[in-house]
Protein backbone atom coordinates (compact mmCIF):
# COMPACT_ATOMS: atom_id res chain seq x y z
CA MET A 1 11.35 -4.19 23.35
CA PHE A 2 9.71 -0.36 22.30
CA PHE A 3 12.08 -0.47 19.17
CA ILE A 4 10.86 -3.73 17.83
CA SER A 5 7.12 -3.00 18.92
CA PRO A 6 5.55 -2.31 15.16
CA ILE A 7 6.93 -5.88 14.32
CA LYS A 8 5.06 -7.54 17.22
CA THR A 9 1.99 -5.58 15.90
CA LEU A 10 2.17 -7.73 12.80
CA TYR A 11 1.87 -11.06 14.81
CA SER A 12 1.39 -10.61 18.59
CA ILE A 13 -2.26 -10.50 19.63
CA LYS A 14 -1.09 -10.85 23.34
CA PHE A 15 1.14 -7.39 22.50
CA TYR A 16 -1.96 -5.75 22.02
CA LEU A 17 -3.48 -6.66 25.25
CA GLN A 18 -0.54 -5.95 26.94
CA THR A 19 -0.52 -2.33 25.34
CA LEU A 20 -4.47 -2.09 26.99
CA LYS A 21 -2.94 -2.18 30.09
CA GLU A 22 -0.32 0.73 29.67
CA PRO A 23 -0.98 4.51 29.54
CA LEU A 24 -2.44 6.28 26.56
CA TRP A 25 0.74 8.33 25.74
CA LYS A 26 2.67 5.12 25.03
CA ALA A 27 0.35 4.47 22.31
CA PHE A 28 1.03 8.16 20.86
CA CYS A 29 4.74 7.61 21.43
CA PHE A 30 4.60 4.47 19.51
CA ILE A 31 2.39 6.17 16.56
CA ALA A 32 5.42 8.94 16.37
CA TYR A 33 7.90 6.31 16.44
CA LEU A 34 6.23 4.76 13.31
CA PHE A 35 5.99 8.15 11.82
CA VAL A 36 9.66 9.04 12.16
CA LEU A 37 10.52 5.29 10.64
CA GLY A 38 8.18 5.97 7.73
CA ALA A 39 9.73 9.46 7.36
CA ILE A 40 13.43 7.67 7.13
CA LEU A 41 12.11 4.92 4.67
CA LEU A 42 11.01 7.95 2.19
CA ALA A 43 14.17 10.10 2.96
CA LEU A 44 16.28 7.34 2.30
CA TYR A 45 14.12 5.67 -0.84
CA ILE A 46 12.60 8.24 -3.23
CA PRO A 47 15.74 10.37 -4.03
CA ILE A 48 17.17 6.88 -5.08
CA LYS A 49 14.06 5.53 -6.61
CA LEU A 50 13.17 8.67 -8.75
CA GLN A 51 16.74 10.02 -9.51
CA GLN A 52 16.53 8.17 -13.06
CA PRO A 53 13.17 9.05 -13.84
CA LEU A 54 13.72 12.70 -12.61
CA THR A 55 17.03 12.74 -14.89
CA GLN A 56 15.47 11.79 -17.90
CA GLY A 57 12.50 14.15 -17.25
CA VAL A 58 14.87 17.13 -17.02
CA GLU A 59 16.70 16.24 -19.90
CA LYS A 60 13.22 15.94 -22.03
CA VAL A 61 12.38 19.33 -20.63
CA ALA A 62 15.23 20.53 -22.07
CA ASP A 63 14.64 19.57 -25.53
CA TYR A 64 11.69 21.93 -25.52
CA VAL A 65 12.88 24.95 -23.33
CA PRO A 66 13.67 27.90 -25.27
CA ASN A 67 16.16 30.28 -24.36
CA ILE A 68 14.25 32.61 -22.22
CA LYS A 69 15.86 35.71 -20.11
CA ILE A 70 13.88 38.18 -17.72
CA SER A 71 15.57 41.22 -17.06
CA LYS A 72 14.05 44.71 -15.71
CA GLY A 73 10.34 43.52 -16.26
CA ILE A 74 11.20 42.32 -19.93
CA ILE A 75 10.93 38.67 -21.17
CA THR A 76 12.81 37.64 -24.21
CA ALA A 77 12.36 34.41 -25.88
CA ASN A 78 14.47 33.02 -28.68
CA ASP A 79 15.50 36.36 -29.65
CA ASN A 80 11.95 37.63 -29.74
CA LYS A 81 11.12 35.12 -32.12
CA ARG A 82 7.41 33.39 -32.02
CA THR A 83 7.91 29.99 -30.59
CA VAL A 84 5.04 27.24 -30.33
CA ILE A 85 5.93 24.45 -28.11
CA SER A 86 3.41 21.72 -28.31
CA PRO A 87 5.33 18.10 -27.53
CA LYS A 88 2.89 15.03 -28.14
CA GLU A 89 3.18 14.36 -24.34
CA MET A 90 0.70 17.73 -24.17
CA GLN A 91 -2.18 16.08 -26.26
CA GLY A 92 -2.69 19.18 -28.47
CA TYR A 93 -2.18 21.64 -26.08
CA LYS A 94 0.62 24.29 -26.44
CA VAL A 95 2.45 27.02 -25.03
CA ILE A 96 2.86 30.19 -27.11
CA LEU A 97 6.30 32.54 -26.33
CA ASP A 98 5.69 35.91 -28.52
CA THR A 99 8.39 38.22 -26.71
CA ALA A 100 8.33 41.08 -29.21
CA SER A 101 4.45 41.46 -28.83
CA THR A 102 2.55 43.49 -26.04
CA GLU A 103 -0.69 41.85 -27.25
CA PRO A 104 -2.83 40.48 -24.43
CA ALA A 105 -4.16 36.82 -24.26
CA TYR A 106 -7.93 36.28 -23.51
CA PRO A 107 -9.47 33.36 -21.71
CA THR A 108 -12.04 32.35 -24.55
CA GLN A 109 -9.23 32.86 -26.80
CA MET A 110 -6.76 30.55 -25.07
CA GLN A 111 -9.63 27.91 -24.61
CA LYS A 112 -10.23 27.75 -28.18
CA GLU A 113 -7.31 27.25 -29.33
CA ASN A 114 -6.05 24.92 -26.52
CA ILE A 115 -3.11 27.43 -25.19
CA LEU A 116 -1.85 26.69 -21.82
CA MET A 117 0.30 29.57 -21.41
CA TYR A 118 0.96 32.38 -23.35
CA VAL A 119 3.99 34.75 -22.73
CA ASN A 120 4.43 37.91 -24.52
CA LYS A 121 6.79 41.02 -23.68
CA ASN A 122 6.26 41.53 -20.09
CA THR A 123 3.13 39.33 -19.09
CA VAL A 124 2.66 35.51 -18.52
CA TYR A 125 -1.11 34.55 -19.04
CA VAL A 126 -2.06 30.85 -17.87
CA PHE A 127 -5.31 28.95 -18.63
CA ALA A 128 -5.48 25.76 -16.75
CA ASN A 129 -8.86 23.66 -15.59
CA GLY A 130 -11.01 26.35 -16.17
CA GLN A 131 -8.89 29.05 -14.16
CA PHE A 132 -7.11 32.13 -16.14
CA GLN A 133 -4.29 34.02 -14.37
CA GLN A 134 -2.40 36.86 -15.58
CA ASN A 135 1.05 37.57 -13.91
CA THR A 136 3.19 40.67 -15.39
CA VAL A 137 6.94 40.15 -14.65
CA GLN A 138 8.17 42.47 -11.71
CA LYS A 139 11.39 45.16 -12.61
CA ASP A 140 13.44 43.47 -9.97
CA PHE A 141 12.91 39.66 -11.20
CA GLU A 142 15.81 38.49 -12.68
CA MET A 143 16.28 35.03 -14.36
CA GLU A 144 17.82 33.05 -17.39
CA ILE A 145 16.91 29.57 -18.57
CA SER A 146 18.12 27.73 -21.57
CA LYS A 147 18.65 24.00 -22.36
CA GLU A 148 22.34 24.30 -21.95
CA ILE A 149 21.86 25.73 -18.16
CA LEU A 150 19.26 23.19 -17.37
CA LEU A 151 21.62 20.27 -18.76
CA THR A 152 24.74 21.70 -16.69
CA ASN A 153 22.33 22.09 -13.57
CA LYS A 154 20.59 19.07 -13.91
CA GLN A 155 21.88 16.93 -10.94
CA GLN A 156 21.11 20.09 -8.70
CA ILE A 157 17.62 20.31 -10.14
CA VAL A 158 16.97 16.29 -9.74
CA LYS A 159 18.37 16.85 -5.83
CA THR A 160 16.15 19.82 -5.25
CA VAL A 161 12.94 18.03 -6.71
CA SER A 162 13.84 14.65 -4.63
CA TYR A 163 14.04 16.99 -1.61
CA VAL A 164 10.66 18.83 -2.15
CA LEU A 165 9.12 15.32 -2.96
CA VAL A 166 10.10 13.80 0.02
CA LEU A 167 8.58 16.67 2.10
CA VAL A 168 5.40 16.26 -0.05
CA PHE A 169 5.61 12.49 0.80
CA VAL A 170 6.17 12.94 4.73
CA PHE A 171 3.35 15.53 4.86
CA VAL A 172 0.94 12.88 3.12
CA LEU A 173 2.35 10.06 5.58
CA ALA A 174 1.23 12.17 8.48
CA PHE A 175 -1.88 12.97 6.94
CA ARG A 176 -2.69 9.36 6.16
CA ILE A 177 -1.73 8.13 9.87
CA ILE A 178 -4.21 10.69 11.31
CA MET A 179 -7.02 9.56 8.66
CA LEU A 180 -6.16 5.75 9.30
CA THR A 181 -6.44 6.35 12.85
CA ILE A 182 -9.78 7.94 12.76
CA PHE A 183 -10.71 4.98 10.47
CA ALA A 184 -9.39 2.14 12.96
CA LEU A 185 -11.57 4.12 16.00
CA ILE A 186 -14.58 4.00 14.11
CA VAL A 187 -14.06 0.01 13.24
CA ALA A 188 -13.10 -0.39 16.82
CA PHE A 189 -16.26 1.05 18.06
CA ILE A 190 -18.35 -0.90 15.41
CA VAL A 191 -16.43 -4.18 16.06
CA GLY A 192 -16.50 -3.73 19.76
CA ALA A 193 -20.23 -3.03 19.85
CA ALA A 194 -21.08 -6.22 17.88
CA THR A 195 -18.58 -8.50 19.88
CA LYS A 196 -20.29 -6.95 23.10
CA VAL A 197 -16.78 -6.05 24.18
CA ASN A 198 -16.72 -2.71 25.92
CA LEU A 199 -13.02 -1.11 26.21
CA GLY A 200 -14.05 2.51 26.78
CA PHE A 201 -12.51 5.58 24.50
CA LYS A 202 -9.04 5.53 25.64
CA LYS A 203 -8.41 2.13 25.09
CA LEU A 204 -10.28 2.01 21.70
CA LEU A 205 -7.97 4.58 20.87
CA ALA A 206 -4.81 2.85 21.93
CA LEU A 207 -6.02 -0.12 19.85
CA SER A 208 -6.27 2.47 16.95
CA LEU A 209 -3.22 3.50 17.26
CA TYR A 210 -1.34 0.55 17.49
CA LEU A 211 -3.00 -1.19 14.76
CA GLN A 212 -1.36 1.44 12.23
CA GLY A 213 1.77 -1.12 12.81
CA PRO A 214 0.54 -3.78 10.54
CA VAL A 215 -1.26 -1.48 8.15
CA LEU A 216 1.52 0.83 7.39
CA ILE A 217 4.25 -1.65 7.49
CA LEU A 218 2.25 -3.70 4.83
CA ASP A 219 1.55 -0.40 2.74
CA CYS A 220 5.60 0.14 2.92
CA VAL A 221 6.52 -2.99 1.66
CA LEU A 222 3.99 -2.70 -1.36
CA PHE A 223 5.37 0.90 -1.71
CA ILE A 224 9.10 -0.38 -2.10
CA LEU A 225 8.17 -3.65 -4.27
CA PRO A 226 9.71 -3.72 -7.62
CA PHE A 227 6.86 -4.17 -9.38
CA HIS A 228 4.12 -1.39 -9.74
CA ILE A 229 1.72 -1.88 -6.96
CA ILE A 230 -0.07 1.44 -5.57
CA GLY A 231 -0.89 0.52 -2.46
CA MET A 232 -3.65 -0.98 -0.32
CA SER A 233 -7.29 0.13 -0.73
CA ILE A 234 -9.80 1.60 1.69
CA PHE A 235 -10.96 -2.12 1.35
CA ALA A 236 -7.86 -3.78 2.43
CA PHE A 237 -7.46 -1.71 5.58
CA LEU A 238 -10.88 -2.36 6.84
CA LEU A 239 -10.12 -6.00 6.64
CA ILE A 240 -7.06 -5.92 8.46
CA TYR A 241 -8.61 -3.94 11.17
CA VAL A 242 -11.75 -6.43 11.26
CA ILE A 243 -9.49 -9.28 11.73
CA TYR A 244 -7.12 -8.04 14.62
CA LEU A 245 -9.87 -6.42 16.06
CA ASN A 246 -12.14 -9.70 16.09
CA LEU A 247 -8.96 -11.88 17.41
CA ILE A 248 -8.20 -9.12 20.41
CA TYR A 249 -11.85 -9.39 21.35
CA PHE A 250 -11.69 -12.93 21.17
CA TYR A 251 -8.82 -13.09 23.69
CA ILE A 252 -10.39 -10.66 25.70
CA ARG A 253 -13.56 -12.50 25.70
CA SER A 254 -12.23 -16.07 26.23
CA MET A 255 -10.37 -14.52 29.81
CA ASP A 256 -13.88 -13.12 30.51
CA ILE A 257 -12.16 -9.84 31.30
CA ASN A 258 -15.65 -8.14 31.48
CA ASN A 259 -17.00 -10.56 34.60
CA LYS A 260 -14.23 -9.71 36.71
CA THR A 261 -14.21 -7.49 39.58
CA GLU A 262 -10.81 -5.65 38.53
CA VAL A 263 -10.99 -4.97 35.03
CA PRO A 264 -7.62 -3.89 33.70
CA PHE A 265 -8.81 -2.88 30.31
CA LYS A 266 -11.93 -0.82 31.13
CA GLU A 267 -11.60 2.89 32.14
CA ASP A 268 -11.24 3.45 35.77
CA ALA A 269 -14.51 4.81 37.39
CA GLU A 270 -14.49 8.27 39.04
């Protein structure tokens, strides 16, 4: 059945042989189905997994956030008292709020004094990764933030950040599938040439799409394990592709497909 096809890609070489007889659009349906399953897993797993660390993160940020109000183009922080924020997590870098001043900041000064952000009466200066940015507050922009506001809206902030992270991870999953399919296609060409099995481009592409089954399933298992494993390396992907392709090509050679008059796996001659 189509719905259990990702599981079949883990153990059934005959499944791969059968897919070579099917049209290419079914392989694309399979990869779309695999992507949807992965996206659902991320949508369910990430908010649960990250709820506690995100909640702790918001609470920790709230300890350092000053009372800031932005109204009519004017920034007010801690009743305009000069404030320097430099927690140990910032490793010597600091944020300076001096909203009673109109003095500008300069890249050389910020770099020399390890200032990541400097805020004066109406402008925010940022210097990070060698890039200097200067942003003047617009007069129609209104905002207020404080420790109390952050803690009051803690759960909403955690939910919003979780949703954003889900979208980011889903995008990464899509990009990952595309890149791994291209990588699998290259490996399939090389292994096919080495084993003298010529399937044609469409069949190799179909194989490359179906080979994402074992790779992504195993990667998801590693992702959700309770102990810390980042995921498989490119060498692990390569090993999986080579093992599966050699088994598939071995079965093709053993059936002497290439010597038959009607070869179901090769491209139809035009």
